Amino acid sequence: MRKQCLVIGCLGMLSVGKGVAQNPPAPPPLPQPESRPTAAIQTPQIDCTWLTVDSAAKTATFQLIAGLTGLNGALNFNGFKDGGLTVTVPLNWNVVIEFRNHDANLSHSAEIIDSQKPTPAGPLDPAFPRAMTVRLAQGIGPEEKDSFRFVANKAGSYWIFCAVPGHGLAGMWIRFRVSATEKRPTLTKA
């Protein structure tokens, strides 16, 4: 009887051991989070319609579009980030900035500030009186518009900067230059 129990016990252990050694079925794959399609390299292009010039009135009108493309998580102006576009105007010209927020998800703003290092985290006093959109820190909602006008009466290098906290710091700024030698406004890649 004792031998029988011992044999049955050994057989039971073998069957349990055999079951443990088997590989369980693989769990189903985890769902992958949806991701936005990203281009390997997005090269923004200048659209000549963004800048209109009235030489007789010495007025440059610039169409400033926040979140024009998905570049930099849509933290861009006219598809450019980190100073990649330069708007140059002659000294003492009138400047009109027609701002539109094309970003469907985030609010944005714009102001002309002195070139800054380190990059500021939020709003500063504008470099020229009235050179800013309304609600600098809060921003303007998707597809909302604003415009501002000022005289570029100080030669130098400036930024067009999104003052919503963190946006400019993340690269949402382009260059604005006031030149004592240029005769006509221009847009150039930096």
C-alpha atoms as a PDB file:
ATOM      1  CA  MET A   1       0.000   0.000   0.000  1.00  0.00           C
ATOM      2  CA  ARG A   2       2.809   2.276   0.885  1.00  0.00           C
ATOM      3  CA  LYS A   3       4.523   1.629  -2.486  1.00  0.00           C
ATOM      4  CA  GLN A   4       1.274   2.363  -4.293  1.00  0.00           C
ATOM      5  CA  CYS A   5       0.900   5.771  -2.571  1.00  0.00           C
ATOM      6  CA  LEU A   6       4.482   6.577  -3.285  1.00  0.00           C
ATOM      7  CA  VAL A   7       4.081   5.726  -6.984  1.00  0.00           C
ATOM      8  CA  ILE A   8       0.790   7.638  -7.248  1.00  0.00           C
ATOM      9  CA  GLY A   9       2.384  10.603  -5.465  1.00  0.00           C
ATOM     10  CA  CYS A  10       5.340  10.563  -7.855  1.00  0.00           C
ATOM     11  CA  LEU A  11       3.035  10.376 -10.862  1.00  0.00           C
ATOM     12  CA  GLY A  12       1.039  13.325  -9.484  1.00  0.00           C
ATOM     13  CA  MET A  13       4.223  15.350  -9.086  1.00  0.00           C
ATOM     14  CA  LEU A  14       5.293  14.505 -12.605  1.00  0.00           C
ATOM     15  CA  SER A  15       1.993  15.612 -14.063  1.00  0.00           C
ATOM     16  CA  VAL A  16       2.098  18.910 -12.116  1.00  0.00           C
ATOM     17  CA  GLY A  17       5.713  19.434 -13.122  1.00  0.00           C
ATOM     18  CA  LYS A  18       4.842  18.669 -16.693  1.00  0.00           C
ATOM     19  CA  GLY A  19       2.022  21.259 -16.645  1.00  0.00           C
ATOM     20  CA  VAL A  20       4.295  23.939 -15.241  1.00  0.00           C
ATOM     21  CA  ALA A  21       6.873  23.334 -17.905  1.00  0.00           C
ATOM     22  CA  GLN A  22       4.392  24.065 -20.678  1.00  0.00           C
ATOM     23  CA  ASN A  23       4.417  27.567 -22.085  1.00  0.00           C
ATOM     24  CA  PRO A  24       1.180  29.418 -21.459  1.00  0.00           C
ATOM     25  CA  PRO A  25      -0.423  31.077 -24.469  1.00  0.00           C
ATOM     26  CA  ALA A  26       1.000  34.495 -25.256  1.00  0.00           C
ATOM     27  CA  PRO A  27      -1.098  37.398 -24.019  1.00  0.00           C
ATOM     28  CA  PRO A  28      -2.796  39.470 -26.689  1.00  0.00           C
ATOM     29  CA  PRO A  29      -0.686  42.411 -27.891  1.00  0.00           C
ATOM     30  CA  LEU A  30      -1.214  45.685 -26.074  1.00  0.00           C
ATOM     31  CA  PRO A  31      -3.036  48.323 -28.082  1.00  0.00           C
ATOM     32  CA  GLN A  32      -0.623  50.890 -29.464  1.00  0.00           C
ATOM     33  CA  PRO A  33      -1.450  54.555 -28.828  1.00  0.00           C
ATOM     34  CA  GLU A  34      -2.502  56.462 -31.906  1.00  0.00           C
ATOM     35  CA  SER A  35       0.176  58.760 -33.139  1.00  0.00           C
ATOM     36  CA  ARG A  36       0.052  61.667 -35.516  1.00  0.00           C
ATOM     37  CA  PRO A  37       1.734  61.022 -38.814  1.00  0.00           C
ATOM     38  CA  THR A  38       4.992  62.895 -38.878  1.00  0.00           C
ATOM     39  CA  ALA A  39       7.067  63.784 -41.849  1.00  0.00           C
ATOM     40  CA  ALA A  40      10.677  62.752 -41.626  1.00  0.00           C
ATOM     41  CA  ILE A  41      11.728  66.271 -42.534  1.00  0.00           C
ATOM     42  CA  GLN A  42       9.339  69.201 -42.736  1.00  0.00           C
ATOM     43  CA  THR A  43      10.915  72.098 -44.581  1.00  0.00           C
ATOM     44  CA  PRO A  44       8.775  75.201 -44.269  1.00  0.00           C
ATOM     45  CA  GLN A  45       8.475  77.408 -47.321  1.00  0.00           C
ATOM     46  CA  ILE A  46       7.931  81.164 -47.524  1.00  0.00           C
ATOM     47  CA  ASP A  47       4.656  82.253 -49.107  1.00  0.00           C
ATOM     48  CA  CYS A  48       5.142  85.646 -50.783  1.00  0.00           C
ATOM     49  CA  THR A  49       1.514  86.596 -50.029  1.00  0.00           C
ATOM     50  CA  TRP A  50       2.306  86.827 -46.291  1.00  0.00           C
ATOM     51  CA  LEU A  51       3.941  90.231 -46.783  1.00  0.00           C
ATOM     52  CA  THR A  52       2.365  93.143 -48.620  1.00  0.00           C
ATOM     53  CA  VAL A  53       4.144  96.436 -49.105  1.00  0.00           C
ATOM     54  CA  ASP A  54       2.807  99.947 -49.668  1.00  0.00           C
ATOM     55  CA  SER A  55       5.970 101.924 -50.466  1.00  0.00           C
ATOM     56  CA  ALA A  56       4.136 105.259 -50.819  1.00  0.00           C
ATOM     57  CA  ALA A  57       2.659 104.933 -47.306  1.00  0.00           C
ATOM     58  CA  LYS A  58       5.802 103.208 -45.969  1.00  0.00           C
ATOM     59  CA  THR A  59       3.669 100.387 -44.596  1.00  0.00           C
ATOM     60  CA  ALA A  60       4.459  96.677 -44.365  1.00  0.00           C
ATOM     61  CA  THR A  61       1.575  94.312 -43.596  1.00  0.00           C
ATOM     62  CA  PHE A  62       2.527  90.830 -42.430  1.00  0.00           C
ATOM     63  CA  GLN A  63       0.097  87.887 -42.206  1.00  0.00           C
ATOM     64  CA  LEU A  64       1.219  86.107 -39.026  1.00  0.00           C
ATOM     65  CA  ILE A  65      -0.300  82.632 -38.739  1.00  0.00           C
ATOM     66  CA  ALA A  66       0.062  80.666 -35.511  1.00  0.00           C
ATOM     67  CA  GLY A  67       0.108  76.885 -35.865  1.00  0.00           C
ATOM     68  CA  LEU A  68       0.091  76.944 -39.663  1.00  0.00           C
ATOM     69  CA  THR A  69       1.566  73.416 -39.805  1.00  0.00           C
ATOM     70  CA  GLY A  70       2.071  70.526 -37.389  1.00  0.00           C
ATOM     71  CA  LEU A  71       5.783  71.369 -37.102  1.00  0.00           C
ATOM     72  CA  ASN A  72       6.896  71.506 -33.461  1.00  0.00           C
ATOM     73  CA  GLY A  73       3.481  70.319 -32.259  1.00  0.00           C
ATOM     74  CA  ALA A  74       1.952  73.330 -34.087  1.00  0.00           C
ATOM     75  CA  LEU A  75       4.031  75.688 -31.930  1.00  0.00           C
ATOM     76  CA  ASN A  76       5.146  77.724 -34.932  1.00  0.00           C
ATOM     77  CA  PHE A  77       4.509  80.940 -36.822  1.00  0.00           C
ATOM     78  CA  ASN A  78       3.863  80.497 -40.550  1.00  0.00           C
ATOM     79  CA  GLY A  79       5.372  77.003 -40.270  1.00  0.00           C
ATOM     80  CA  PHE A  80       8.681  78.266 -38.815  1.00  0.00           C
ATOM     81  CA  LYS A  81      10.077  77.867 -35.308  1.00  0.00           C
ATOM     82  CA  ASP A  82      13.159  78.868 -33.306  1.00  0.00           C
ATOM     83  CA  GLY A  83      13.830  81.983 -35.379  1.00  0.00           C
ATOM     84  CA  GLY A  84      13.716  80.152 -38.733  1.00  0.00           C
ATOM     85  CA  LEU A  85      11.972  83.057 -40.516  1.00  0.00           C
ATOM     86  CA  THR A  86      13.060  86.704 -40.535  1.00  0.00           C
ATOM     87  CA  VAL A  87      10.753  89.635 -41.260  1.00  0.00           C
ATOM     88  CA  THR A  88      12.829  92.733 -42.100  1.00  0.00           C
ATOM     89  CA  VAL A  89      11.387  96.248 -42.347  1.00  0.00           C
ATOM     90  CA  PRO A  90      13.092  99.586 -42.988  1.00  0.00           C
ATOM     91  CA  LEU A  91      13.523 101.962 -40.063  1.00  0.00           C
ATOM     92  CA  ASN A  92      10.519 104.239 -39.364  1.00  0.00           C
ATOM     93  CA  TRP A  93       8.084 102.207 -41.463  1.00  0.00           C
ATOM     94  CA  ASN A  94       4.563 101.454 -40.273  1.00  0.00           C
ATOM     95  CA  VAL A  95       4.051  97.784 -39.492  1.00  0.00           C
ATOM     96  CA  VAL A  96       0.695  96.016 -39.446  1.00  0.00           C
ATOM     97  CA  ILE A  97       0.607  92.479 -38.075  1.00  0.00           C
ATOM     98  CA  GLU A  98      -2.563  90.598 -39.001  1.00  0.00           C
ATOM     99  CA  PHE A  99      -2.599  87.653 -36.608  1.00  0.00           C
ATOM    100  CA  ARG A 100      -4.631  84.467 -37.053  1.00  0.00           C
ATOM    101  CA  ASN A 101      -4.528  81.369 -34.862  1.00  0.00           C
ATOM    102  CA  HIS A 102      -4.759  78.377 -37.215  1.00  0.00           C
ATOM    103  CA  ASP A 103      -4.007  75.834 -34.428  1.00  0.00           C
ATOM    104  CA  ALA A 104      -7.187  73.812 -33.773  1.00  0.00           C
ATOM    105  CA  ASN A 105      -6.106  72.834 -30.248  1.00  0.00           C
ATOM    106  CA  LEU A 106      -4.195  75.629 -28.521  1.00  0.00           C
ATOM    107  CA  SER A 107      -4.532  79.362 -27.935  1.00  0.00           C
ATOM    108  CA  HIS A 108      -1.643  81.581 -29.076  1.00  0.00           C
ATOM    109  CA  SER A 109      -0.599  85.230 -28.938  1.00  0.00           C
ATOM    110  CA  ALA A 110       2.109  87.395 -30.474  1.00  0.00           C
ATOM    111  CA  GLU A 111       4.247  90.317 -29.430  1.00  0.00           C
ATOM    112  CA  ILE A 112       7.420  91.981 -30.662  1.00  0.00           C
ATOM    113  CA  ILE A 113      10.093  91.682 -27.966  1.00  0.00           C
ATOM    114  CA  ASP A 114      13.792  92.421 -27.730  1.00  0.00           C
ATOM    115  CA  SER A 115      15.931  89.395 -28.642  1.00  0.00           C
ATOM    116  CA  GLN A 116      16.295  87.397 -25.436  1.00  0.00           C
ATOM    117  CA  LYS A 117      18.735  84.851 -24.057  1.00  0.00           C
ATOM    118  CA  PRO A 118      17.616  82.870 -22.228  1.00  0.00           C
ATOM    119  CA  THR A 119      14.242  82.603 -23.925  1.00  0.00           C
ATOM    120  CA  PRO A 120      11.498  83.997 -21.675  1.00  0.00           C
ATOM    121  CA  ALA A 121       8.801  81.665 -20.352  1.00  0.00           C
ATOM    122  CA  GLY A 122       5.931  84.112 -20.856  1.00  0.00           C
ATOM    123  CA  PRO A 123       4.906  87.702 -21.683  1.00  0.00           C
ATOM    124  CA  LEU A 124       7.289  90.665 -21.529  1.00  0.00           C
ATOM    125  CA  ASP A 125       6.842  94.343 -22.276  1.00  0.00           C
ATOM    126  CA  PRO A 126       6.763  94.802 -26.064  1.00  0.00           C
ATOM    127  CA  ALA A 127       9.769  96.397 -27.771  1.00  0.00           C
ATOM    128  CA  PHE A 128       7.477  98.941 -29.476  1.00  0.00           C
ATOM    129  CA  PRO A 129       4.326 100.510 -28.020  1.00  0.00           C
ATOM    130  CA  ARG A 130       1.203  98.499 -28.954  1.00  0.00           C
ATOM    131  CA  ALA A 131       3.242  95.767 -30.713  1.00  0.00           C
ATOM    132  CA  MET A 132       1.169  92.897 -29.309  1.00  0.00           C
ATOM    133  CA  THR A 133      -2.085  90.984 -29.610  1.00  0.00           C
ATOM    134  CA  VAL A 134      -4.727  91.063 -26.907  1.00  0.00           C
ATOM    135  CA  ARG A 135      -4.658  88.459 -24.098  1.00  0.00           C
ATOM    136  CA  LEU A 136      -0.918  87.794 -24.286  1.00  0.00           C
ATOM    137  CA  ALA A 137      -0.782  85.153 -21.547  1.00  0.00           C
ATOM    138  CA  GLN A 138      -4.202  83.600 -22.226  1.00  0.00           C
ATOM    139  CA  GLY A 139      -3.864  83.687 -25.990  1.00  0.00           C
ATOM    140  CA  ILE A 140      -6.390  83.861 -28.786  1.00  0.00           C
ATOM    141  CA  GLY A 141      -8.453  80.737 -29.446  1.00  0.00           C
ATOM    142  CA  PRO A 142      -8.502  78.569 -32.565  1.00  0.00           C
ATOM    143  CA  GLU A 143      -9.325  80.476 -35.780  1.00  0.00           C
ATOM    144  CA  GLU A 144      -9.618  83.769 -33.889  1.00  0.00           C
ATOM    145  CA  LYS A 145      -7.941  86.874 -35.275  1.00  0.00           C
ATOM    146  CA  ASP A 146      -6.405  90.096 -34.014  1.00  0.00           C
ATOM    147  CA  SER A 147      -4.198  92.776 -35.502  1.00  0.00           C
ATOM    148  CA  PHE A 148      -1.804  95.383 -34.218  1.00  0.00           C
ATOM    149  CA  ARG A 149      -0.020  98.357 -35.715  1.00  0.00           C
ATOM    150  CA  PHE A 150       3.152 100.167 -34.668  1.00  0.00           C
ATOM    151  CA  VAL A 151       6.032 102.236 -36.051  1.00  0.00           C
ATOM    152  CA  ALA A 152       9.363 100.407 -36.313  1.00  0.00           C
ATOM    153  CA  ASN A 153      11.308 103.379 -34.950  1.00  0.00           C
ATOM    154  CA  LYS A 154      14.303 101.554 -33.388  1.00  0.00           C
ATOM    155  CA  ALA A 155      16.817  99.722 -35.578  1.00  0.00           C
ATOM    156  CA  GLY A 156      17.785  96.328 -34.226  1.00  0.00           C
ATOM    157  CA  SER A 157      16.968  92.637 -33.941  1.00  0.00           C
ATOM    158  CA  TYR A 158      13.770  91.502 -32.253  1.00  0.00           C
ATOM    159  CA  TRP A 159      11.526  88.468 -31.989  1.00  0.00           C
ATOM    160  CA  ILE A 160       7.895  87.886 -32.868  1.00  0.00           C
ATOM    161  CA  PHE A 161       7.134  85.767 -29.825  1.00  0.00           C
ATOM    162  CA  CYS A 162       4.176  83.699 -28.597  1.00  0.00           C
ATOM    163  CA  ALA A 163       3.713  84.901 -25.021  1.00  0.00           C
ATOM    164  CA  VAL A 164       1.382  82.100 -23.875  1.00  0.00           C
ATOM    165  CA  PRO A 165       3.442  80.605 -21.025  1.00  0.00           C
ATOM    166  CA  GLY A 166       5.813  77.940 -22.337  1.00  0.00           C
ATOM    167  CA  HIS A 167       5.088  78.419 -26.048  1.00  0.00           C
ATOM    168  CA  GLY A 168       7.949  80.786 -26.861  1.00  0.00           C
ATOM    169  CA  LEU A 169      10.226  78.716 -24.662  1.00  0.00           C
ATOM    170  CA  ALA A 170       9.292  75.677 -26.796  1.00  0.00           C
ATOM    171  CA  GLY A 171      10.454  77.487 -29.953  1.00  0.00           C
ATOM    172  CA  MET A 172       7.401  79.506 -31.018  1.00  0.00           C
ATOM    173  CA  TRP A 173       9.192  82.636 -32.186  1.00  0.00           C
ATOM    174  CA  ILE A 174      10.546  84.097 -35.423  1.00  0.00           C
ATOM    175  CA  ARG A 175      12.901  87.010 -36.056  1.00  0.00           C
ATOM    176  CA  PHE A 176      11.877  90.615 -36.682  1.00  0.00           C
ATOM    177  CA  ARG A 177      14.565  93.017 -37.862  1.00  0.00           C
ATOM    178  CA  VAL A 178      14.393  96.779 -38.255  1.00  0.00           C
ATOM    179  CA  SER A 179      17.077  97.948 -40.667  1.00  0.00           C
ATOM    180  CA  ALA A 180      18.505 101.435 -41.147  1.00  0.00           C
ATOM    181  CA  THR A 181      19.889 100.378 -44.561  1.00  0.00           C
ATOM    182  CA  GLU A 182      17.165  98.243 -46.196  1.00  0.00           C
ATOM    183  CA  LYS A 183      14.819 100.123 -48.530  1.00  0.00           C
ATOM    184  CA  ARG A 184      12.047  97.505 -48.789  1.00  0.00           C
ATOM    185  CA  PRO A 185      10.516  94.952 -46.390  1.00  0.00           C
ATOM    186  CA  THR A 186      11.529  91.321 -46.927  1.00  0.00           C
ATOM    187  CA  LEU A 187      10.892  87.781 -45.696  1.00  0.00           C
ATOM    188  CA  THR A 188      13.860  85.416 -45.554  1.00  0.00           C
ATOM    189  CA  LYS A 189      14.675  82.040 -44.071  1.00  0.00           C
ATOM    190  CA  ALA A 190      17.120  82.461 -41.229  1.00  0.00           C
END
